[in-house]
Amino acid sequence: GKLVLAGDSCHAMPPFLGQGANQAICDAQVLNACLHKESSKNNLDTALSRYFRIRFPSTSRLLLNSRFLGFLETQSGPGVFARDSFFRFTSATGIAKTVFLDGASSKLLQ
């Protein structure tokens, strides 16, 4: 038989982007689309491979971004000034939303 992991069971990430439930929903959405696309061909292996190819890049990016933000957010001492400056700059320029939430919504391959 086949087994599909979704959500934190396959890509647990630190809580600094608050993406746990969102990523589980994205996994379900993409898995559903992949299974539906291949259902007429009865090709489960292709559907699961497609699911992996779609989800792996975005969850990997979010994982790295969450780790980086966790490192920044937990600074103390002299690191506090660097952290605060970083957040002020990325917030004012819109970089934070663009970079850190890039993988937050599912993107289906055509």
Protein backbone atom coordinates (compact mmCIF):
# COMPACT_ATOMS: atom_id res chain seq x y z
CA GLY A 1 0.00 0.00 0.00
CA LYS A 2 0.88 3.66 -0.21
CA LEU A 3 1.18 6.17 2.61
CA VAL A 4 1.03 9.96 2.31
CA LEU A 5 2.26 12.25 5.04
CA ALA A 6 0.83 15.74 5.35
CA GLY A 7 1.21 18.71 7.65
CA ASP A 8 3.61 18.53 10.58
CA SER A 9 4.09 14.78 10.14
CA CYS A 10 6.16 15.45 7.02
CA HIS A 11 7.42 19.00 7.47
CA ALA A 12 7.29 20.09 11.09
CA MET A 13 8.64 23.59 11.39
CA PRO A 14 9.39 26.06 14.15
CA PRO A 15 6.39 28.23 15.09
CA PHE A 16 7.86 31.57 14.03
CA LEU A 17 5.75 31.93 10.86
CA GLY A 18 2.62 30.31 12.28
CA GLN A 19 2.31 28.00 9.27
CA GLY A 20 1.51 24.61 10.83
CA ALA A 21 -2.23 24.41 10.12
CA ASN A 22 -1.93 26.41 6.91
CA GLN A 23 0.62 24.00 5.47
CA ALA A 24 -1.55 21.00 6.36
CA ILE A 25 -4.42 22.62 4.45
CA CYS A 26 -2.15 23.37 1.48
CA ASP A 27 -0.94 19.75 1.54
CA ALA A 28 -4.53 18.50 1.45
CA GLN A 29 -5.47 20.88 -1.37
CA VAL A 30 -2.50 19.90 -3.53
CA LEU A 31 -2.86 16.18 -2.78
CA ASN A 32 -6.53 16.35 -3.75
CA ALA A 33 -5.69 18.12 -7.02
CA CYS A 34 -2.93 15.63 -7.85
CA LEU A 35 -5.12 12.61 -7.11
CA HIS A 36 -8.02 14.09 -9.09
CA LYS A 37 -5.80 14.82 -12.10
CA GLU A 38 -4.50 11.25 -12.20
CA SER A 39 -7.71 9.48 -11.16
CA SER A 40 -8.90 8.88 -14.72
CA LYS A 41 -5.55 7.24 -15.53
CA ASN A 42 -5.57 5.27 -12.28
CA ASN A 43 -1.93 6.28 -11.73
CA LEU A 44 -1.30 6.73 -8.00
CA ASP A 45 2.50 6.78 -8.30
CA THR A 46 2.40 9.72 -10.71
CA ALA A 47 -0.05 11.61 -8.48
CA LEU A 48 2.11 11.14 -5.38
CA SER A 49 5.28 12.08 -7.23
CA ARG A 50 3.58 15.24 -8.48
CA TYR A 51 2.40 16.05 -4.94
CA PHE A 52 5.99 15.80 -3.68
CA ARG A 53 7.39 17.94 -6.52
CA ILE A 54 4.84 20.67 -5.84
CA ARG A 55 5.01 20.76 -2.04
CA PHE A 56 8.70 20.15 -1.33
CA PRO A 57 10.10 23.51 -2.57
CA SER A 58 7.60 25.71 -0.75
CA THR A 59 7.70 23.82 2.54
CA SER A 60 11.50 23.79 2.41
CA ARG A 61 11.57 27.57 1.92
CA LEU A 62 9.14 28.12 4.79
CA LEU A 63 11.15 25.83 7.05
CA LEU A 64 14.36 27.76 6.39
CA ASN A 65 12.59 31.11 6.76
CA SER A 66 11.01 30.01 10.03
CA ARG A 67 14.37 28.86 11.40
CA PHE A 68 15.96 32.16 10.39
CA LEU A 69 13.16 34.18 12.00
CA GLY A 70 13.42 32.05 15.12
CA PHE A 71 17.11 32.82 15.33
CA LEU A 72 16.39 36.55 14.96
CA GLU A 73 13.44 36.67 17.33
CA THR A 74 15.29 34.97 20.16
CA GLN A 75 18.28 37.33 20.16
CA SER A 76 19.36 38.95 23.40
CA GLY A 77 22.04 41.39 24.40
CA PRO A 78 23.69 43.18 21.45
CA GLY A 79 21.69 41.07 18.99
CA VAL A 80 18.50 42.87 20.01
CA PHE A 81 19.48 46.04 18.13
CA ALA A 82 20.27 44.06 14.96
CA ARG A 83 17.00 42.15 15.28
CA ASP A 84 14.90 45.27 15.77
CA SER A 85 16.64 47.06 12.88
CA PHE A 86 16.12 44.07 10.61
CA PHE A 87 12.41 43.85 11.39
CA ARG A 88 11.90 47.61 11.03
CA PHE A 89 13.62 47.63 7.63
CA THR A 90 11.96 44.54 6.18
CA SER A 91 8.53 45.66 7.39
CA ALA A 92 8.85 49.20 6.02
CA THR A 93 10.06 47.99 2.61
CA GLY A 94 7.57 45.12 2.23
CA ILE A 95 10.38 42.59 2.05
CA ALA A 96 9.08 40.65 5.05
CA LYS A 97 5.76 39.78 3.45
CA THR A 98 7.28 38.95 0.08
CA VAL A 99 10.20 36.85 1.28
CA PHE A 100 9.02 35.15 4.44
CA LEU A 101 5.56 34.15 3.28
CA ASP A 102 6.52 33.18 -0.27
CA GLY A 103 5.71 29.51 0.27
CA ALA A 104 2.64 30.12 2.43
CA SER A 105 0.08 29.45 -0.28
CA SER A 106 -0.05 26.41 -2.50
CA LYS A 107 0.96 26.68 -6.11
CA LEU A 108 -0.26 23.95 -8.42
CA LEU A 109 1.88 22.97 -11.38
CA GLN A 110 0.12 23.22 -14.70
